């Protein structure tokens, strides 16, 4: 960990780069972000170019404090303040009607904006030093596996960024929960570490579950979070047989599975933690490690169907969507 003097100097340098229209990679509790001044359309455009991101795919604006909510949005419902008090800083993004200061570049031309306060000390220090909002998607090529370490960012983006803040591995490991509060009833757009049931308990009202929504938000495309190696979700009872079938064909496969699942020793395998938080924390790093092995396929044991596993299941389903669905 750098000294306080060096850390302060790094923050000031990063803030200066943001003010001058540059791109800064910074850690959050979820994944690493590729950030630009949210009020600078030219700087935000550099994010889209670096990632190869479609221009109509909106970004999330990161704020230093929850009391900045009214600076970036309007017509704020009481539910937003309730959730902000409970979960910010934290892995929850709220979709609200945007304030006039938010450029079209950030929202993909929509009248809504995604806002959150990240729960990472370096991210909060940067936001305080910058004294503004930072628009930031994950710091990787669009549609690929999100980065949870600085090494992942460098592997994928090379020299596309102007400054990097290294905060170590991300604690949560998958992107924030996204909740739409711009309509008459709260809607879950993307599951994350904060679950639907937790949000309903705080709000004391039902939330419309995840579905096919017209509103565009980060991470909602059918194919997303995908490694280059074909990824397949396989039910627990069929995993071993599918591994053996592919090995007999001479294929090289990598496997991620639950701790109790027995796997052939001749495959490249990793047993994941037995709980959803552990899966989320390790998932992207393990997918990236396997993706570098030149394998013919990645076989992932389908996680349990419980509500606590919704976020992990969502990421895996999108990562596997470009490939054959197993039907046994």
C-alpha atoms as a PDB file:
ATOM      1  CA  UNK A   1       0.000   0.000   0.000  1.00  0.00           C
ATOM      2  CA  UNK A   2       1.547   3.366  -0.981  1.00  0.00           C
ATOM      3  CA  UNK A   3       2.232   6.012   1.643  1.00  0.00           C
ATOM      4  CA  UNK A   4      -0.416   8.635   2.359  1.00  0.00           C
ATOM      5  CA  UNK A   5       1.677  11.250   0.549  1.00  0.00           C
ATOM      6  CA  UNK A   6       2.034   9.103  -2.580  1.00  0.00           C
ATOM      7  CA  UNK A   7      -1.626   8.148  -2.497  1.00  0.00           C
ATOM      8  CA  UNK A   8      -2.712  11.776  -2.249  1.00  0.00           C
ATOM      9  CA  UNK A   9      -0.414  12.685  -5.146  1.00  0.00           C
ATOM     10  CA  UNK A  10      -1.872   9.848  -7.237  1.00  0.00           C
ATOM     11  CA  UNK A  11      -5.414  11.026  -6.517  1.00  0.00           C
ATOM     12  CA  UNK A  12      -4.604  14.594  -7.455  1.00  0.00           C
ATOM     13  CA  UNK A  13      -2.943  13.434 -10.674  1.00  0.00           C
ATOM     14  CA  UNK A  14      -5.922  11.218 -11.559  1.00  0.00           C
ATOM     15  CA  UNK A  15      -8.330  14.089 -10.868  1.00  0.00           C
ATOM     16  CA  UNK A  16      -6.299  16.424 -13.097  1.00  0.00           C
ATOM     17  CA  UNK A  17      -6.419  13.877 -15.908  1.00  0.00           C
ATOM     18  CA  UNK A  18     -10.192  13.607 -15.598  1.00  0.00           C
ATOM     19  CA  UNK A  19     -10.561  17.405 -15.699  1.00  0.00           C
ATOM     20  CA  UNK A  20      -8.439  17.527 -18.866  1.00  0.00           C
ATOM     21  CA  UNK A  21     -10.638  14.980 -20.647  1.00  0.00           C
ATOM     22  CA  UNK A  22      -8.563  11.887 -19.924  1.00  0.00           C
ATOM     23  CA  UNK A  23      -9.514   8.331 -18.960  1.00  0.00           C
ATOM     24  CA  UNK A  24      -8.758   6.890 -15.522  1.00  0.00           C
ATOM     25  CA  UNK A  25      -9.073   3.247 -14.487  1.00  0.00           C
ATOM     26  CA  UNK A  26     -10.178   2.924 -10.878  1.00  0.00           C
ATOM     27  CA  UNK A  27     -11.262   0.095  -8.565  1.00  0.00           C
ATOM     28  CA  UNK A  28     -14.729  -0.374  -7.152  1.00  0.00           C
ATOM     29  CA  UNK A  29     -16.065  -3.128  -4.936  1.00  0.00           C
ATOM     30  CA  UNK A  30     -17.710  -4.718  -8.003  1.00  0.00           C
ATOM     31  CA  UNK A  31     -15.302  -4.501 -10.978  1.00  0.00           C
ATOM     32  CA  UNK A  32     -12.715  -2.036 -12.289  1.00  0.00           C
ATOM     33  CA  UNK A  33     -14.165   1.008 -14.054  1.00  0.00           C
ATOM     34  CA  UNK A  34     -12.929   3.031 -17.026  1.00  0.00           C
ATOM     35  CA  UNK A  35     -13.830   6.555 -15.985  1.00  0.00           C
ATOM     36  CA  UNK A  36     -14.229   9.972 -17.595  1.00  0.00           C
ATOM     37  CA  UNK A  37     -15.698  13.316 -16.565  1.00  0.00           C
ATOM     38  CA  UNK A  38     -19.441  12.681 -16.804  1.00  0.00           C
ATOM     39  CA  UNK A  39     -20.060  16.247 -17.992  1.00  0.00           C
ATOM     40  CA  UNK A  40     -17.501  16.135 -20.808  1.00  0.00           C
ATOM     41  CA  UNK A  41     -19.070  14.527 -23.918  1.00  0.00           C
ATOM     42  CA  UNK A  42     -15.732  14.324 -25.743  1.00  0.00           C
ATOM     43  CA  UNK A  43     -14.123  12.497 -22.825  1.00  0.00           C
ATOM     44  CA  UNK A  44     -17.094  10.143 -22.529  1.00  0.00           C
ATOM     45  CA  UNK A  45     -16.806   9.432 -26.262  1.00  0.00           C
ATOM     46  CA  UNK A  46     -13.262   8.176 -25.621  1.00  0.00           C
ATOM     47  CA  UNK A  47     -14.705   5.499 -23.313  1.00  0.00           C
ATOM     48  CA  UNK A  48     -16.939   4.207 -26.099  1.00  0.00           C
ATOM     49  CA  UNK A  49     -14.018   4.180 -28.551  1.00  0.00           C
ATOM     50  CA  UNK A  50     -11.676   2.388 -26.137  1.00  0.00           C
ATOM     51  CA  UNK A  51     -14.227  -0.303 -25.328  1.00  0.00           C
ATOM     52  CA  UNK A  52     -15.808  -0.653 -28.761  1.00  0.00           C
ATOM     53  CA  UNK A  53     -19.097   0.073 -26.997  1.00  0.00           C
ATOM     54  CA  UNK A  54     -22.289   0.886 -28.948  1.00  0.00           C
ATOM     55  CA  UNK A  55     -23.159   4.580 -28.675  1.00  0.00           C
ATOM     56  CA  UNK A  56     -26.698   3.857 -27.454  1.00  0.00           C
ATOM     57  CA  UNK A  57     -25.507   1.707 -24.510  1.00  0.00           C
ATOM     58  CA  UNK A  58     -25.683   3.976 -21.411  1.00  0.00           C
ATOM     59  CA  UNK A  59     -23.076   4.453 -18.721  1.00  0.00           C
ATOM     60  CA  UNK A  60     -23.349   4.692 -14.931  1.00  0.00           C
ATOM     61  CA  UNK A  61     -22.405   7.956 -13.219  1.00  0.00           C
ATOM     62  CA  UNK A  62     -20.431   7.389 -10.010  1.00  0.00           C
ATOM     63  CA  UNK A  63     -20.841   9.940  -7.223  1.00  0.00           C
ATOM     64  CA  UNK A  64     -18.863  10.613  -4.055  1.00  0.00           C
ATOM     65  CA  UNK A  65     -21.868  10.893  -1.718  1.00  0.00           C
ATOM     66  CA  UNK A  66     -25.504   9.911  -1.638  1.00  0.00           C
ATOM     67  CA  UNK A  67     -26.544  13.526  -1.003  1.00  0.00           C
ATOM     68  CA  UNK A  68     -25.328  14.306  -4.550  1.00  0.00           C
ATOM     69  CA  UNK A  69     -28.337  12.420  -5.908  1.00  0.00           C
ATOM     70  CA  UNK A  70     -30.311  15.574  -6.662  1.00  0.00           C
ATOM     71  CA  UNK A  71     -27.385  17.034  -8.617  1.00  0.00           C
ATOM     72  CA  UNK A  72     -27.656  14.312 -11.254  1.00  0.00           C
ATOM     73  CA  UNK A  73     -31.358  13.431 -11.319  1.00  0.00           C
ATOM     74  CA  UNK A  74     -34.806  15.011 -11.022  1.00  0.00           C
ATOM     75  CA  UNK A  75     -38.294  13.964  -9.936  1.00  0.00           C
ATOM     76  CA  UNK A  76     -36.663  11.682  -7.381  1.00  0.00           C
ATOM     77  CA  UNK A  77     -39.114   9.284  -5.716  1.00  0.00           C
ATOM     78  CA  UNK A  78     -38.937   8.641  -1.951  1.00  0.00           C
ATOM     79  CA  UNK A  79     -37.780   5.066  -2.658  1.00  0.00           C
ATOM     80  CA  UNK A  80     -34.495   6.403  -4.051  1.00  0.00           C
ATOM     81  CA  UNK A  81     -33.628   8.175  -0.808  1.00  0.00           C
ATOM     82  CA  UNK A  82     -34.595   5.108   1.230  1.00  0.00           C
ATOM     83  CA  UNK A  83     -32.341   2.842  -0.842  1.00  0.00           C
ATOM     84  CA  UNK A  84     -29.505   5.367  -0.933  1.00  0.00           C
ATOM     85  CA  UNK A  85     -29.476   5.587   2.854  1.00  0.00           C
ATOM     86  CA  UNK A  86     -29.457   1.796   3.146  1.00  0.00           C
ATOM     87  CA  UNK A  87     -27.069   0.749   0.377  1.00  0.00           C
ATOM     88  CA  UNK A  88     -24.771   3.639  -0.584  1.00  0.00           C
ATOM     89  CA  UNK A  89     -21.857   3.347  -0.694  1.00  0.00           C
ATOM     90  CA  UNK A  90     -22.508  -0.076  -2.210  1.00  0.00           C
ATOM     91  CA  UNK A  91     -23.232  -2.220  -5.281  1.00  0.00           C
ATOM     92  CA  UNK A  92     -26.622  -0.720  -6.192  1.00  0.00           C
ATOM     93  CA  UNK A  93     -27.298   1.442  -9.265  1.00  0.00           C
ATOM     94  CA  UNK A  94     -30.521   3.450  -9.380  1.00  0.00           C
ATOM     95  CA  UNK A  95     -32.102   4.480 -12.686  1.00  0.00           C
ATOM     96  CA  UNK A  96     -33.762   7.897 -12.370  1.00  0.00           C
ATOM     97  CA  UNK A  97     -34.834  10.759 -14.618  1.00  0.00           C
ATOM     98  CA  UNK A  98     -31.693  12.641 -15.497  1.00  0.00           C
ATOM     99  CA  UNK A  99     -30.856  16.218 -14.592  1.00  0.00           C
ATOM    100  CA  UNK A 100     -30.093  18.655 -17.411  1.00  0.00           C
ATOM    101  CA  UNK A 101     -26.353  18.512 -16.677  1.00  0.00           C
ATOM    102  CA  UNK A 102     -26.126  14.869 -17.816  1.00  0.00           C
ATOM    103  CA  UNK A 103     -25.067  14.647 -21.503  1.00  0.00           C
ATOM    104  CA  UNK A 104     -26.773  12.422 -24.074  1.00  0.00           C
ATOM    105  CA  UNK A 105     -23.444  10.606 -24.500  1.00  0.00           C
ATOM    106  CA  UNK A 106     -23.787   9.212 -20.980  1.00  0.00           C
ATOM    107  CA  UNK A 107     -27.411   8.099 -21.230  1.00  0.00           C
ATOM    108  CA  UNK A 108     -27.450   6.792 -24.791  1.00  0.00           C
ATOM    109  CA  UNK A 109     -30.007   9.490 -25.601  1.00  0.00           C
ATOM    110  CA  UNK A 110     -32.481   8.336 -22.944  1.00  0.00           C
ATOM    111  CA  UNK A 111     -34.139  10.586 -20.388  1.00  0.00           C
ATOM    112  CA  UNK A 112     -32.841   8.413 -17.547  1.00  0.00           C
ATOM    113  CA  UNK A 113     -29.448   8.030 -15.907  1.00  0.00           C
ATOM    114  CA  UNK A 114     -27.860   5.314 -13.777  1.00  0.00           C
ATOM    115  CA  UNK A 115     -26.324   6.543 -10.505  1.00  0.00           C
ATOM    116  CA  UNK A 116     -24.379   4.945  -7.692  1.00  0.00           C
ATOM    117  CA  UNK A 117     -21.865   5.581  -4.906  1.00  0.00           C
ATOM    118  CA  UNK A 118     -19.152   2.898  -5.046  1.00  0.00           C
ATOM    119  CA  UNK A 119     -17.942   1.170  -1.898  1.00  0.00           C
ATOM    120  CA  UNK A 120     -14.178   1.282  -2.379  1.00  0.00           C
ATOM    121  CA  UNK A 121     -11.872   3.708  -0.530  1.00  0.00           C
ATOM    122  CA  UNK A 122      -9.819   4.578  -3.628  1.00  0.00           C
ATOM    123  CA  UNK A 123     -12.919   5.209  -5.740  1.00  0.00           C
ATOM    124  CA  UNK A 124     -14.355   7.501  -3.064  1.00  0.00           C
ATOM    125  CA  UNK A 125     -11.049   9.326  -2.656  1.00  0.00           C
ATOM    126  CA  UNK A 126     -10.877   9.878  -6.414  1.00  0.00           C
ATOM    127  CA  UNK A 127     -14.442  11.170  -6.560  1.00  0.00           C
ATOM    128  CA  UNK A 128     -13.778  13.588  -3.704  1.00  0.00           C
ATOM    129  CA  UNK A 129     -10.552  14.804  -5.313  1.00  0.00           C
ATOM    130  CA  UNK A 130     -12.293  15.261  -8.671  1.00  0.00           C
ATOM    131  CA  UNK A 131     -15.359  16.973  -7.160  1.00  0.00           C
ATOM    132  CA  UNK A 132     -17.650  15.737  -9.908  1.00  0.00           C
ATOM    133  CA  UNK A 133     -19.374  12.714 -11.366  1.00  0.00           C
ATOM    134  CA  UNK A 134     -17.375  10.001 -13.121  1.00  0.00           C
ATOM    135  CA  UNK A 135     -19.079   8.112 -15.946  1.00  0.00           C
ATOM    136  CA  UNK A 136     -17.649   4.605 -15.974  1.00  0.00           C
ATOM    137  CA  UNK A 137     -18.462   1.199 -17.414  1.00  0.00           C
ATOM    138  CA  UNK A 138     -16.275  -1.831 -16.726  1.00  0.00           C
ATOM    139  CA  UNK A 139     -12.688  -1.391 -17.957  1.00  0.00           C
ATOM    140  CA  UNK A 140     -12.690  -4.041 -20.695  1.00  0.00           C
ATOM    141  CA  UNK A 141     -13.697  -4.520 -24.320  1.00  0.00           C
ATOM    142  CA  UNK A 142     -17.460  -4.414 -24.758  1.00  0.00           C
ATOM    143  CA  UNK A 143     -19.232  -7.715 -24.140  1.00  0.00           C
ATOM    144  CA  UNK A 144     -16.158  -9.467 -22.757  1.00  0.00           C
ATOM    145  CA  UNK A 145     -15.406 -10.695 -19.237  1.00  0.00           C
ATOM    146  CA  UNK A 146     -15.269  -7.802 -16.775  1.00  0.00           C
ATOM    147  CA  UNK A 147     -11.955  -7.064 -14.985  1.00  0.00           C
ATOM    148  CA  UNK A 148     -11.495  -7.593 -11.266  1.00  0.00           C
ATOM    149  CA  UNK A 149      -7.763  -6.792 -11.147  1.00  0.00           C
ATOM    150  CA  UNK A 150      -5.516  -4.221 -12.830  1.00  0.00           C
ATOM    151  CA  UNK A 151      -3.777  -7.061 -14.701  1.00  0.00           C
ATOM    152  CA  UNK A 152      -7.103  -7.895 -16.373  1.00  0.00           C
ATOM    153  CA  UNK A 153      -7.475  -4.265 -17.481  1.00  0.00           C
ATOM    154  CA  UNK A 154      -3.991  -4.117 -18.988  1.00  0.00           C
ATOM    155  CA  UNK A 155      -4.488  -7.431 -20.802  1.00  0.00           C
ATOM    156  CA  UNK A 156      -7.524  -6.103 -22.584  1.00  0.00           C
ATOM    157  CA  UNK A 157      -7.209  -2.343 -23.002  1.00  0.00           C
ATOM    158  CA  UNK A 158      -3.442  -1.931 -23.306  1.00  0.00           C
ATOM    159  CA  UNK A 159      -2.612   1.774 -23.537  1.00  0.00           C
ATOM    160  CA  UNK A 160      -6.184   3.023 -24.041  1.00  0.00           C
ATOM    161  CA  UNK A 161      -6.261   4.632 -20.573  1.00  0.00           C
ATOM    162  CA  UNK A 162      -4.273   7.594 -19.269  1.00  0.00           C
ATOM    163  CA  UNK A 163      -3.944   6.605 -15.602  1.00  0.00           C
ATOM    164  CA  UNK A 164      -4.550   3.545 -13.431  1.00  0.00           C
ATOM    165  CA  UNK A 165      -5.353   3.333  -9.735  1.00  0.00           C
ATOM    166  CA  UNK A 166      -4.610  -0.155  -8.422  1.00  0.00           C
ATOM    167  CA  UNK A 167      -6.827  -1.155  -5.519  1.00  0.00           C
ATOM    168  CA  UNK A 168      -6.177  -4.901  -5.594  1.00  0.00           C
ATOM    169  CA  UNK A 169      -8.790  -7.578  -6.399  1.00  0.00           C
ATOM    170  CA  UNK A 170     -12.411  -6.442  -6.316  1.00  0.00           C
ATOM    171  CA  UNK A 171     -14.303  -7.626  -3.244  1.00  0.00           C
ATOM    172  CA  UNK A 172     -17.712  -8.348  -4.839  1.00  0.00           C
ATOM    173  CA  UNK A 173     -16.531  -9.386  -8.289  1.00  0.00           C
ATOM    174  CA  UNK A 174     -19.657  -8.847 -10.408  1.00  0.00           C
ATOM    175  CA  UNK A 175     -21.436  -5.701 -11.504  1.00  0.00           C
ATOM    176  CA  UNK A 176     -23.916  -3.783  -9.369  1.00  0.00           C
ATOM    177  CA  UNK A 177     -27.607  -4.504  -9.042  1.00  0.00           C
ATOM    178  CA  UNK A 178     -29.559  -2.106 -11.290  1.00  0.00           C
ATOM    179  CA  UNK A 179     -32.982  -0.940 -10.133  1.00  0.00           C
ATOM    180  CA  UNK A 180     -35.199   1.247 -12.298  1.00  0.00           C
ATOM    181  CA  UNK A 181     -37.083   3.879 -10.283  1.00  0.00           C
ATOM    182  CA  UNK A 182     -38.126   6.017 -13.248  1.00  0.00           C
ATOM    183  CA  UNK A 183     -41.591   4.445 -13.566  1.00  0.00           C
ATOM    184  CA  UNK A 184     -44.618   3.850 -11.374  1.00  0.00           C
ATOM    185  CA  UNK A 185     -43.176   0.710  -9.747  1.00  0.00           C
ATOM    186  CA  UNK A 186     -39.562  -0.308  -9.059  1.00  0.00           C
ATOM    187  CA  UNK A 187     -38.162  -2.742 -11.634  1.00  0.00           C
ATOM    188  CA  UNK A 188     -35.093  -4.945 -11.389  1.00  0.00           C
ATOM    189  CA  UNK A 189     -33.023  -4.548 -14.562  1.00  0.00           C
ATOM    190  CA  UNK A 190     -29.840  -6.391 -13.567  1.00  0.00           C
ATOM    191  CA  UNK A 191     -29.374  -8.665 -10.536  1.00  0.00           C
ATOM    192  CA  UNK A 192     -26.307  -8.247  -8.376  1.00  0.00           C
ATOM    193  CA  UNK A 193     -25.004  -8.721  -4.846  1.00  0.00           C
ATOM    194  CA  UNK A 194     -28.024  -6.857  -3.445  1.00  0.00           C
ATOM    195  CA  UNK A 195     -30.929  -9.191  -4.115  1.00  0.00           C
ATOM    196  CA  UNK A 196     -34.510  -8.557  -5.159  1.00  0.00           C
ATOM    197  CA  UNK A 197     -35.762  -9.847  -1.809  1.00  0.00           C
ATOM    198  CA  UNK A 198     -33.482  -7.452   0.103  1.00  0.00           C
ATOM    199  CA  UNK A 199     -34.713  -4.476  -1.914  1.00  0.00           C
ATOM    200  CA  UNK A 200     -38.359  -5.448  -1.410  1.00  0.00           C
ATOM    201  CA  UNK A 201     -37.784  -5.772   2.331  1.00  0.00           C
ATOM    202  CA  UNK A 202     -36.246  -2.284   2.533  1.00  0.00           C
ATOM    203  CA  UNK A 203     -38.922  -0.665   0.375  1.00  0.00           C
ATOM    204  CA  UNK A 204     -41.744  -2.698   1.918  1.00  0.00           C
ATOM    205  CA  UNK A 205     -43.294  -3.088  -1.517  1.00  0.00           C
ATOM    206  CA  UNK A 206     -43.009  -5.525  -4.436  1.00  0.00           C
ATOM    207  CA  UNK A 207     -40.440  -4.972  -7.181  1.00  0.00           C
ATOM    208  CA  UNK A 208     -41.078  -6.025 -10.765  1.00  0.00           C
ATOM    209  CA  UNK A 209     -38.614  -8.872 -11.425  1.00  0.00           C
ATOM    210  CA  UNK A 210     -36.040  -8.944 -14.174  1.00  0.00           C
ATOM    211  CA  UNK A 211     -37.555  -9.221 -17.649  1.00  0.00           C
ATOM    212  CA  UNK A 212     -37.288  -7.950 -21.206  1.00  0.00           C
ATOM    213  CA  UNK A 213     -37.453  -4.192 -20.674  1.00  0.00           C
ATOM    214  CA  UNK A 214     -37.526  -1.445 -23.266  1.00  0.00           C
ATOM    215  CA  UNK A 215     -35.254   0.735 -21.119  1.00  0.00           C
ATOM    216  CA  UNK A 216     -31.595   0.294 -22.047  1.00  0.00           C
ATOM    217  CA  UNK A 217     -29.188  -0.313 -19.143  1.00  0.00           C
ATOM    218  CA  UNK A 218     -25.662  -1.728 -18.773  1.00  0.00           C
ATOM    219  CA  UNK A 219     -25.270  -5.507 -19.014  1.00  0.00           C
ATOM    220  CA  UNK A 220     -28.724  -6.240 -20.405  1.00  0.00           C
ATOM    221  CA  UNK A 221     -27.743  -7.613 -23.812  1.00  0.00           C
ATOM    222  CA  UNK A 222     -28.480 -11.300 -24.359  1.00  0.00           C
ATOM    223  CA  UNK A 223     -24.794 -12.052 -24.970  1.00  0.00           C
ATOM    224  CA  UNK A 224     -22.426 -10.405 -22.487  1.00  0.00           C
ATOM    225  CA  UNK A 225     -19.577 -11.140 -20.030  1.00  0.00           C
ATOM    226  CA  UNK A 226     -18.297 -13.759 -22.514  1.00  0.00           C
ATOM    227  CA  UNK A 227     -14.804 -15.263 -22.759  1.00  0.00           C
ATOM    228  CA  UNK A 228     -13.346 -16.027 -26.198  1.00  0.00           C
ATOM    229  CA  UNK A 229     -13.481 -19.765 -25.488  1.00  0.00           C
ATOM    230  CA  UNK A 230     -16.978 -21.240 -26.037  1.00  0.00           C
ATOM    231  CA  UNK A 231     -18.731 -21.521 -22.684  1.00  0.00           C
ATOM    232  CA  UNK A 232     -21.451 -24.068 -21.913  1.00  0.00           C
ATOM    233  CA  UNK A 233     -23.682 -24.384 -18.851  1.00  0.00           C
ATOM    234  CA  UNK A 234     -24.213 -28.039 -17.942  1.00  0.00           C
ATOM    235  CA  UNK A 235     -26.667 -29.423 -15.333  1.00  0.00           C
ATOM    236  CA  UNK A 236     -24.977 -31.034 -12.337  1.00  0.00           C
ATOM    237  CA  UNK A 237     -26.134 -34.570 -13.090  1.00  0.00           C
ATOM    238  CA  UNK A 238     -24.703 -34.489 -16.620  1.00  0.00           C
ATOM    239  CA  UNK A 239     -21.431 -32.644 -16.074  1.00  0.00           C
ATOM    240  CA  UNK A 240     -19.122 -35.623 -15.591  1.00  0.00           C
ATOM    241  CA  UNK A 241     -20.536 -37.466 -18.610  1.00  0.00           C
ATOM    242  CA  UNK A 242     -20.183 -34.396 -20.818  1.00  0.00           C
ATOM    243  CA  UNK A 243     -16.574 -33.898 -19.706  1.00  0.00           C
ATOM    244  CA  UNK A 244     -15.755 -37.542 -20.470  1.00  0.00           C
ATOM    245  CA  UNK A 245     -17.457 -37.356 -23.870  1.00  0.00           C
ATOM    246  CA  UNK A 246     -15.382 -34.368 -24.889  1.00  0.00           C
ATOM    247  CA  UNK A 247     -12.169 -35.880 -23.539  1.00  0.00           C
ATOM    248  CA  UNK A 248     -12.778 -39.019 -25.627  1.00  0.00           C
ATOM    249  CA  UNK A 249     -13.056 -36.769 -28.675  1.00  0.00           C
ATOM    250  CA  UNK A 250      -9.629 -35.344 -27.892  1.00  0.00           C
ATOM    251  CA  UNK A 251     -10.913 -31.979 -26.735  1.00  0.00           C
ATOM    252  CA  UNK A 252      -9.219 -29.913 -24.064  1.00  0.00           C
ATOM    253  CA  UNK A 253     -11.785 -28.556 -21.636  1.00  0.00           C
ATOM    254  CA  UNK A 254     -11.794 -26.369 -18.559  1.00  0.00           C
ATOM    255  CA  UNK A 255     -14.365 -26.853 -15.830  1.00  0.00           C
ATOM    256  CA  UNK A 256     -15.788 -24.747 -13.004  1.00  0.00           C
ATOM    257  CA  UNK A 257     -17.916 -26.711 -10.551  1.00  0.00           C
ATOM    258  CA  UNK A 258     -19.309 -26.869  -7.041  1.00  0.00           C
ATOM    259  CA  UNK A 259     -17.006 -28.297  -4.310  1.00  0.00           C
ATOM    260  CA  UNK A 260     -18.888 -31.602  -3.976  1.00  0.00           C
ATOM    261  CA  UNK A 261     -18.919 -32.396  -7.705  1.00  0.00           C
ATOM    262  CA  UNK A 262     -16.461 -35.145  -8.667  1.00  0.00           C
ATOM    263  CA  UNK A 263     -14.486 -34.362 -11.815  1.00  0.00           C
ATOM    264  CA  UNK A 264     -12.098 -36.383 -14.002  1.00  0.00           C
ATOM    265  CA  UNK A 265      -8.466 -35.632 -13.193  1.00  0.00           C
ATOM    266  CA  UNK A 266      -7.571 -35.288 -16.880  1.00  0.00           C
ATOM    267  CA  UNK A 267      -9.445 -31.997 -17.319  1.00  0.00           C
ATOM    268  CA  UNK A 268      -8.377 -28.512 -16.272  1.00  0.00           C
ATOM    269  CA  UNK A 269     -10.711 -27.950 -13.345  1.00  0.00           C
ATOM    270  CA  UNK A 270     -11.418 -25.622 -10.464  1.00  0.00           C
ATOM    271  CA  UNK A 271     -13.857 -26.128  -7.623  1.00  0.00           C
ATOM    272  CA  UNK A 272     -15.669 -22.886  -6.823  1.00  0.00           C
ATOM    273  CA  UNK A 273     -16.825 -21.812  -3.339  1.00  0.00           C
ATOM    274  CA  UNK A 274     -20.097 -23.346  -2.109  1.00  0.00           C
ATOM    275  CA  UNK A 275     -21.926 -20.000  -1.777  1.00  0.00           C
ATOM    276  CA  UNK A 276     -23.022 -17.357  -4.328  1.00  0.00           C
ATOM    277  CA  UNK A 277     -20.839 -14.569  -2.929  1.00  0.00           C
ATOM    278  CA  UNK A 278     -17.765 -16.752  -3.410  1.00  0.00           C
ATOM    279  CA  UNK A 279     -18.776 -17.669  -6.958  1.00  0.00           C
ATOM    280  CA  UNK A 280     -19.306 -14.005  -7.788  1.00  0.00           C
ATOM    281  CA  UNK A 281     -15.967 -12.965  -6.320  1.00  0.00           C
ATOM    282  CA  UNK A 282     -13.990 -15.613  -8.242  1.00  0.00           C
ATOM    283  CA  UNK A 283     -16.031 -16.024 -11.424  1.00  0.00           C
ATOM    284  CA  UNK A 284     -14.480 -13.476 -13.772  1.00  0.00           C
ATOM    285  CA  UNK A 285     -10.913 -14.168 -12.658  1.00  0.00           C
ATOM    286  CA  UNK A 286     -11.396 -17.907 -13.202  1.00  0.00           C
ATOM    287  CA  UNK A 287     -13.005 -17.400 -16.607  1.00  0.00           C
ATOM    288  CA  UNK A 288     -10.109 -15.192 -17.680  1.00  0.00           C
ATOM    289  CA  UNK A 289      -7.523 -17.714 -16.434  1.00  0.00           C
ATOM    290  CA  UNK A 290      -9.175 -20.578 -18.322  1.00  0.00           C
ATOM    291  CA  UNK A 291      -9.613 -18.412 -21.408  1.00  0.00           C
ATOM    292  CA  UNK A 292      -5.826 -18.123 -21.711  1.00  0.00           C
ATOM    293  CA  UNK A 293      -5.276 -21.893 -21.889  1.00  0.00           C
ATOM    294  CA  UNK A 294      -6.219 -22.416 -25.537  1.00  0.00           C
ATOM    295  CA  UNK A 295      -9.059 -24.785 -24.633  1.00  0.00           C
ATOM    296  CA  UNK A 296     -11.794 -26.127 -26.897  1.00  0.00           C
ATOM    297  CA  UNK A 297     -14.531 -25.321 -24.416  1.00  0.00           C
ATOM    298  CA  UNK A 298     -15.430 -24.237 -20.909  1.00  0.00           C
ATOM    299  CA  UNK A 299     -17.966 -26.397 -19.075  1.00  0.00           C
ATOM    300  CA  UNK A 300     -19.588 -24.648 -16.140  1.00  0.00           C
ATOM    301  CA  UNK A 301     -21.759 -26.498 -13.669  1.00  0.00           C
ATOM    302  CA  UNK A 302     -25.139 -24.755 -13.661  1.00  0.00           C
ATOM    303  CA  UNK A 303     -25.543 -23.075 -10.251  1.00  0.00           C
ATOM    304  CA  UNK A 304     -28.505 -23.743  -7.955  1.00  0.00           C
ATOM    305  CA  UNK A 305     -31.804 -22.109  -8.882  1.00  0.00           C
ATOM    306  CA  UNK A 306     -32.330 -20.207  -5.608  1.00  0.00           C
ATOM    307  CA  UNK A 307     -32.880 -16.444  -5.497  1.00  0.00           C
ATOM    308  CA  UNK A 308     -29.446 -15.912  -3.920  1.00  0.00           C
ATOM    309  CA  UNK A 309     -27.857 -17.320  -7.067  1.00  0.00           C
ATOM    310  CA  UNK A 310     -29.757 -15.058  -9.493  1.00  0.00           C
ATOM    311  CA  UNK A 311     -26.854 -12.687 -10.184  1.00  0.00           C
ATOM    312  CA  UNK A 312     -24.334 -15.475 -10.846  1.00  0.00           C
ATOM    313  CA  UNK A 313     -26.854 -17.325 -13.009  1.00  0.00           C
ATOM    314  CA  UNK A 314     -27.556 -14.146 -14.980  1.00  0.00           C
ATOM    315  CA  UNK A 315     -23.864 -13.601 -15.792  1.00  0.00           C
ATOM    316  CA  UNK A 316     -23.324 -17.235 -16.770  1.00  0.00           C
ATOM    317  CA  UNK A 317     -26.452 -17.374 -18.932  1.00  0.00           C
ATOM    318  CA  UNK A 318     -25.350 -14.301 -20.881  1.00  0.00           C
ATOM    319  CA  UNK A 319     -21.786 -15.607 -21.204  1.00  0.00           C
ATOM    320  CA  UNK A 320     -23.099 -18.890 -22.593  1.00  0.00           C
ATOM    321  CA  UNK A 321     -25.867 -17.476 -24.785  1.00  0.00           C
ATOM    322  CA  UNK A 322     -23.850 -17.540 -28.006  1.00  0.00           C
ATOM    323  CA  UNK A 323     -23.340 -21.294 -27.777  1.00  0.00           C
ATOM    324  CA  UNK A 324     -25.449 -24.427 -27.826  1.00  0.00           C
ATOM    325  CA  UNK A 325     -27.865 -24.875 -24.942  1.00  0.00           C
ATOM    326  CA  UNK A 326     -27.637 -28.353 -23.397  1.00  0.00           C
ATOM    327  CA  UNK A 327     -30.825 -30.377 -23.619  1.00  0.00           C
ATOM    328  CA  UNK A 328     -30.693 -33.772 -21.891  1.00  0.00           C
END
